[in-house]
Amino acid sequence: MMDKRQDVRGEMAKRITITLPDEVAEALEKWAKEEARPMANLATFLIQKCIAEKQQNKQQDK
């Protein structure tokens, strides 16, 4: 499911639904609590970081 919305900065964002294995969801929940942030916010940060790293690695391979 994808739904276009605006994020807190007013930028367009897409809402998605994912299913995580229990141990991954529990680890993400624990990490988010340790950082006092919502799980969705932490997941977004981690996904953005992985994409940036992938793009950087792709550039280095050229």
PDB file of N, CA and C in Angstrom:
ATOM      1  N   MET A   1       0.842  -1.170   0.000  1.00  0.00           N
ATOM      2  CA  MET A   1       0.000   0.000   0.000  1.00  0.00           C
ATOM      3  C   MET A   1       0.891   1.238   0.000  1.00  0.00           C
ATOM      4  N   MET A   2       0.642   2.154  -0.921  1.00  0.00           N
ATOM      5  CA  MET A   2       1.379   3.413  -0.950  1.00  0.00           C
ATOM      6  C   MET A   2       0.389   4.563  -0.950  1.00  0.00           C
ATOM      7  N   ASP A   3       0.717   5.583  -0.196  1.00  0.00           N
ATOM      8  CA  ASP A   3      -0.155   6.735  -0.061  1.00  0.00           C
ATOM      9  C   ASP A   3       0.741   7.968  -0.011  1.00  0.00           C
ATOM     10  N   LYS A   4       0.482   8.960  -0.866  1.00  0.00           N
ATOM     11  CA  LYS A   4       1.296  10.174  -0.863  1.00  0.00           C
ATOM     12  C   LYS A   4       0.815  11.104   0.244  1.00  0.00           C
ATOM     13  N   ARG A   5       1.747  11.626   0.995  1.00  0.00           N
ATOM     14  CA  ARG A   5       1.456  12.557   2.078  1.00  0.00           C
ATOM     15  C   ARG A   5       2.600  13.557   2.163  1.00  0.00           C
ATOM     16  N   GLN A   6       2.391  14.594   2.962  1.00  0.00           N
ATOM     17  CA  GLN A   6       3.478  15.525   3.220  1.00  0.00           C
ATOM     18  C   GLN A   6       4.108  15.170   4.553  1.00  0.00           C
ATOM     19  N   ASP A   7       5.446  15.209   4.596  1.00  0.00           N
ATOM     20  CA  ASP A   7       6.113  14.940   5.863  1.00  0.00           C
ATOM     21  C   ASP A   7       6.148  16.216   6.696  1.00  0.00           C
ATOM     22  N   VAL A   8       6.793  16.159   7.841  1.00  0.00           N
ATOM     23  CA  VAL A   8       6.806  17.299   8.760  1.00  0.00           C
ATOM     24  C   VAL A   8       7.486  18.533   8.169  1.00  0.00           C
ATOM     25  N   ARG A   9       8.327  18.351   7.165  1.00  0.00           N
ATOM     26  CA  ARG A   9       8.988  19.491   6.518  1.00  0.00           C
ATOM     27  C   ARG A   9       8.185  20.021   5.340  1.00  0.00           C
ATOM     28  N   GLY A  10       7.009  19.427   5.095  1.00  0.00           N
ATOM     29  CA  GLY A  10       6.183  19.858   3.980  1.00  0.00           C
ATOM     30  C   GLY A  10       6.562  19.208   2.668  1.00  0.00           C
ATOM     31  N   GLU A  11       7.545  18.304   2.689  1.00  0.00           N
ATOM     32  CA  GLU A  11       7.961  17.612   1.473  1.00  0.00           C
ATOM     33  C   GLU A  11       7.030  16.435   1.221  1.00  0.00           C
ATOM     34  N   MET A  12       6.875  16.077  -0.044  1.00  0.00           N
ATOM     35  CA  MET A  12       6.028  14.933  -0.368  1.00  0.00           C
ATOM     36  C   MET A  12       6.697  13.658   0.140  1.00  0.00           C
ATOM     37  N   ALA A  13       5.892  12.793   0.683  1.00  0.00           N
ATOM     38  CA  ALA A  13       6.381  11.520   1.212  1.00  0.00           C
ATOM     39  C   ALA A  13       5.362  10.446   0.877  1.00  0.00           C
ATOM     40  N   LYS A  14       5.819   9.213   0.758  1.00  0.00           N
ATOM     41  CA  LYS A  14       4.926   8.087   0.488  1.00  0.00           C
ATOM     42  C   LYS A  14       4.857   7.213   1.721  1.00  0.00           C
ATOM     43  N   ARG A  15       3.657   6.828   2.069  1.00  0.00           N
ATOM     44  CA  ARG A  15       3.452   5.922   3.194  1.00  0.00           C
ATOM     45  C   ARG A  15       3.398   4.501   2.648  1.00  0.00           C
ATOM     46  N   ILE A  16       4.158   3.598   3.263  1.00  0.00           N
ATOM     47  CA  ILE A  16       4.151   2.198   2.846  1.00  0.00           C
ATOM     48  C   ILE A  16       3.883   1.315   4.063  1.00  0.00           C
ATOM     49  N   THR A  17       3.481   0.099   3.800  1.00  0.00           N
ATOM     50  CA  THR A  17       3.286  -0.889   4.854  1.00  0.00           C
ATOM     51  C   THR A  17       4.290  -2.011   4.635  1.00  0.00           C
ATOM     52  N   ILE A  18       4.997  -2.393   5.701  1.00  0.00           N
ATOM     53  CA  ILE A  18       5.952  -3.496   5.597  1.00  0.00           C
ATOM     54  C   ILE A  18       5.670  -4.516   6.701  1.00  0.00           C
ATOM     55  N   THR A  19       6.135  -5.721   6.476  1.00  0.00           N
ATOM     56  CA  THR A  19       6.040  -6.778   7.479  1.00  0.00           C
ATOM     57  C   THR A  19       7.457  -7.182   7.857  1.00  0.00           C
ATOM     58  N   LEU A  20       7.748  -7.153   9.148  1.00  0.00           N
ATOM     59  CA  LEU A  20       9.081  -7.493   9.646  1.00  0.00           C
ATOM     60  C   LEU A  20       9.024  -8.775  10.465  1.00  0.00           C
ATOM     61  N   PRO A  21      10.088  -9.560  10.420  1.00  0.00           N
ATOM     62  CA  PRO A  21      10.168 -10.697  11.333  1.00  0.00           C
ATOM     63  C   PRO A  21      10.115 -10.178  12.781  1.00  0.00           C
ATOM     64  N   ASP A  22       9.569 -10.970  13.683  1.00  0.00           N
ATOM     65  CA  ASP A  22       9.417 -10.539  15.077  1.00  0.00           C
ATOM     66  C   ASP A  22      10.713 -10.011  15.673  1.00  0.00           C
ATOM     67  N   GLU A  23      11.818 -10.722  15.464  1.00  0.00           N
ATOM     68  CA  GLU A  23      13.076 -10.297  16.093  1.00  0.00           C
ATOM     69  C   GLU A  23      13.565  -8.965  15.533  1.00  0.00           C
ATOM     70  N   VAL A  24      13.322  -8.704  14.267  1.00  0.00           N
ATOM     71  CA  VAL A  24      13.717  -7.424  13.670  1.00  0.00           C
ATOM     72  C   VAL A  24      12.839  -6.305  14.227  1.00  0.00           C
ATOM     73  N   ALA A  25      11.539  -6.549  14.305  1.00  0.00           N
ATOM     74  CA  ALA A  25      10.612  -5.548  14.842  1.00  0.00           C
ATOM     75  C   ALA A  25      10.943  -5.231  16.298  1.00  0.00           C
ATOM     76  N   GLU A  26      11.259  -6.258  17.078  1.00  0.00           N
ATOM     77  CA  GLU A  26      11.605  -6.048  18.488  1.00  0.00           C
ATOM     78  C   GLU A  26      12.902  -5.258  18.628  1.00  0.00           C
ATOM     79  N   ALA A  27      13.890  -5.563  17.797  1.00  0.00           N
ATOM     80  CA  ALA A  27      15.160  -4.833  17.842  1.00  0.00           C
ATOM     81  C   ALA A  27      14.957  -3.375  17.435  1.00  0.00           C
ATOM     82  N   LEU A  28      14.143  -3.153  16.407  1.00  0.00           N
ATOM     83  CA  LEU A  28      13.863  -1.786  15.959  1.00  0.00           C
ATOM     84  C   LEU A  28      13.117  -1.015  17.043  1.00  0.00           C
ATOM     85  N   GLU A  29      12.150  -1.662  17.680  1.00  0.00           N
ATOM     86  CA  GLU A  29      11.384  -1.016  18.752  1.00  0.00           C
ATOM     87  C   GLU A  29      12.299  -0.641  19.924  1.00  0.00           C
ATOM     88  N   LYS A  30      13.190  -1.551  20.313  1.00  0.00           N
ATOM     89  CA  LYS A  30      14.126  -1.281  21.410  1.00  0.00           C
ATOM     90  C   LYS A  30      15.047  -0.114  21.062  1.00  0.00           C
ATOM     91  N   TRP A  31      15.588  -0.130  19.850  1.00  0.00           N
ATOM     92  CA  TRP A  31      16.489   0.930  19.388  1.00  0.00           C
ATOM     93  C   TRP A  31      15.761   2.274  19.388  1.00  0.00           C
ATOM     94  N   ALA A  32      14.551   2.292  18.871  1.00  0.00           N
ATOM     95  CA  ALA A  32      13.768   3.532  18.816  1.00  0.00           C
ATOM     96  C   ALA A  32      13.500   4.068  20.223  1.00  0.00           C
ATOM     97  N   LYS A  33      13.166   3.185  21.152  1.00  0.00           N
ATOM     98  CA  LYS A  33      12.928   3.617  22.540  1.00  0.00           C
ATOM     99  C   LYS A  33      14.192   4.200  23.150  1.00  0.00           C
ATOM    100  N   GLU A  34      15.333   3.569  22.882  1.00  0.00           N
ATOM    101  CA  GLU A  34      16.612   4.067  23.409  1.00  0.00           C
ATOM    102  C   GLU A  34      16.906   5.476  22.904  1.00  0.00           C
ATOM    103  N   GLU A  35      16.464   5.773  21.690  1.00  0.00           N
ATOM    104  CA  GLU A  35      16.713   7.092  21.100  1.00  0.00           C
ATOM    105  C   GLU A  35      15.521   8.032  21.248  1.00  0.00           C
ATOM    106  N   ALA A  36      14.486   7.579  21.949  1.00  0.00           N
ATOM    107  CA  ALA A  36      13.276   8.379  22.190  1.00  0.00           C
ATOM    108  C   ALA A  36      12.698   8.929  20.887  1.00  0.00           C
ATOM    109  N   ARG A  37      12.542   8.032  19.916  1.00  0.00           N
ATOM    110  CA  ARG A  37      11.963   8.437  18.637  1.00  0.00           C
ATOM    111  C   ARG A  37      11.004   7.351  18.168  1.00  0.00           C
ATOM    112  N   PRO A  38      10.057   7.695  17.315  1.00  0.00           N
ATOM    113  CA  PRO A  38       9.125   6.688  16.804  1.00  0.00           C
ATOM    114  C   PRO A  38       9.839   5.657  15.927  1.00  0.00           C
ATOM    115  N   MET A  39       9.333   4.439  15.946  1.00  0.00           N
ATOM    116  CA  MET A  39       9.910   3.379  15.113  1.00  0.00           C
ATOM    117  C   MET A  39       9.912   3.779  13.643  1.00  0.00           C
ATOM    118  N   ALA A  40       8.834   4.382  13.174  1.00  0.00           N
ATOM    119  CA  ALA A  40       8.743   4.774  11.764  1.00  0.00           C
ATOM    120  C   ALA A  40       9.832   5.783  11.412  1.00  0.00           C
ATOM    121  N   ASN A  41      10.113   6.703  12.323  1.00  0.00           N
ATOM    122  CA  ASN A  41      11.147   7.704  12.091  1.00  0.00           C
ATOM    123  C   ASN A  41      12.519   7.045  12.010  1.00  0.00           C
ATOM    124  N   LEU A  42      12.797   6.114  12.910  1.00  0.00           N
ATOM    125  CA  LEU A  42      14.073   5.399  12.884  1.00  0.00           C
ATOM    126  C   LEU A  42      14.195   4.558  11.619  1.00  0.00           C
ATOM    127  N   ALA A  43      13.118   3.871  11.252  1.00  0.00           N
ATOM    128  CA  ALA A  43      13.140   3.052  10.036  1.00  0.00           C
ATOM    129  C   ALA A  43      13.406   3.924   8.809  1.00  0.00           C
ATOM    130  N   THR A  44      12.778   5.086   8.742  1.00  0.00           N
ATOM    131  CA  THR A  44      12.999   6.012   7.627  1.00  0.00           C
ATOM    132  C   THR A  44      14.464   6.434   7.571  1.00  0.00           C
ATOM    133  N   PHE A  45      15.027   6.802   8.718  1.00  0.00           N
ATOM    134  CA  PHE A  45      16.432   7.200   8.785  1.00  0.00           C
ATOM    135  C   PHE A  45      17.346   6.083   8.287  1.00  0.00           C
ATOM    136  N   LEU A  46      17.097   4.858   8.753  1.00  0.00           N
ATOM    137  CA  LEU A  46      17.946   3.725   8.372  1.00  0.00           C
ATOM    138  C   LEU A  46      17.844   3.416   6.882  1.00  0.00           C
ATOM    139  N   ILE A  47      16.646   3.491   6.342  1.00  0.00           N
ATOM    140  CA  ILE A  47      16.459   3.244   4.906  1.00  0.00           C
ATOM    141  C   ILE A  47      17.175   4.316   4.090  1.00  0.00           C
ATOM    142  N   GLN A  48      17.020   5.589   4.490  1.00  0.00           N
ATOM    143  CA  GLN A  48      17.692   6.677   3.778  1.00  0.00           C
ATOM    144  C   GLN A  48      19.211   6.497   3.826  1.00  0.00           C
ATOM    145  N   LYS A  49      19.735   6.092   4.984  1.00  0.00           N
ATOM    146  CA  LYS A  49      21.175   5.886   5.135  1.00  0.00           C
ATOM    147  C   LYS A  49      21.662   4.759   4.222  1.00  0.00           C
ATOM    148  N   CYS A  50      20.930   3.669   4.171  1.00  0.00           N
ATOM    149  CA  CYS A  50      21.318   2.539   3.312  1.00  0.00           C
ATOM    150  C   CYS A  50      21.285   2.917   1.834  1.00  0.00           C
ATOM    151  N   ILE A  51      20.281   3.672   1.433  1.00  0.00           N
ATOM    152  CA  ILE A  51      20.182   4.106   0.036  1.00  0.00           C
ATOM    153  C   ILE A  51      21.357   5.021  -0.313  1.00  0.00           C
ATOM    154  N   ALA A  52      21.683   5.955   0.578  1.00  0.00           N
ATOM    155  CA  ALA A  52      22.811   6.860   0.332  1.00  0.00           C
ATOM    156  C   ALA A  52      24.118   6.076   0.209  1.00  0.00           C
ATOM    157  N   GLU A  53      24.315   5.084   1.081  1.00  0.00           N
ATOM    158  CA  GLU A  53      25.524   4.260   1.016  1.00  0.00           C
ATOM    159  C   GLU A  53      25.577   3.456  -0.279  1.00  0.00           C
ATOM    160  N   LYS A  54      24.452   2.907  -0.692  1.00  0.00           N
ATOM    161  CA  LYS A  54      24.390   2.136  -1.945  1.00  0.00           C
ATOM    162  C   LYS A  54      24.745   3.033  -3.127  1.00  0.00           C
ATOM    163  N   GLN A  55      24.180   4.247  -3.150  1.00  0.00           N
ATOM    164  CA  GLN A  55      24.460   5.174  -4.244  1.00  0.00           C
ATOM    165  C   GLN A  55      25.929   5.577  -4.249  1.00  0.00           C
ATOM    166  N   GLN A  56      26.495   5.779  -3.065  1.00  0.00           N
ATOM    167  CA  GLN A  56      27.909   6.140  -2.972  1.00  0.00           C
ATOM    168  C   GLN A  56      28.785   4.990  -3.471  1.00  0.00           C
ATOM    169  N   ASN A  57      28.461   3.771  -3.081  1.00  0.00           N
ATOM    170  CA  ASN A  57      29.223   2.604  -3.539  1.00  0.00           C
ATOM    171  C   ASN A  57      29.109   2.432  -5.049  1.00  0.00           C
ATOM    172  N   LYS A  58      27.933   2.697  -5.579  1.00  0.00           N
ATOM    173  CA  LYS A  58      27.713   2.592  -7.022  1.00  0.00           C
ATOM    174  C   LYS A  58      28.598   3.595  -7.763  1.00  0.00           C
ATOM    175  N   GLN A  59      28.713   4.811  -7.217  1.00  0.00           N
ATOM    176  CA  GLN A  59      29.543   5.854  -7.834  1.00  0.00           C
ATOM    177  C   GLN A  59      31.020   5.452  -7.791  1.00  0.00           C
ATOM    178  N   GLN A  60      31.447   4.825  -6.698  1.00  0.00           N
ATOM    179  CA  GLN A  60      32.847   4.424  -6.549  1.00  0.00           C
ATOM    180  C   GLN A  60      33.206   3.281  -7.489  1.00  0.00           C
ATOM    181  N   ASP A  61      32.217   2.458  -7.850  1.00  0.00           N
ATOM    182  CA  ASP A  61      32.459   1.324  -8.743  1.00  0.00           C
ATOM    183  C   ASP A  61      32.639   1.752 -10.197  1.00  0.00           C
ATOM    184  N   LYS A  62      32.297   2.985 -10.522  1.00  0.00           N
ATOM    185  CA  LYS A  62      32.401   3.456 -11.915  1.00  0.00           C
ATOM    186  C   LYS A  62      33.819   3.768 -12.285  1.00  0.00           C
TER     187      LYS A  62
END
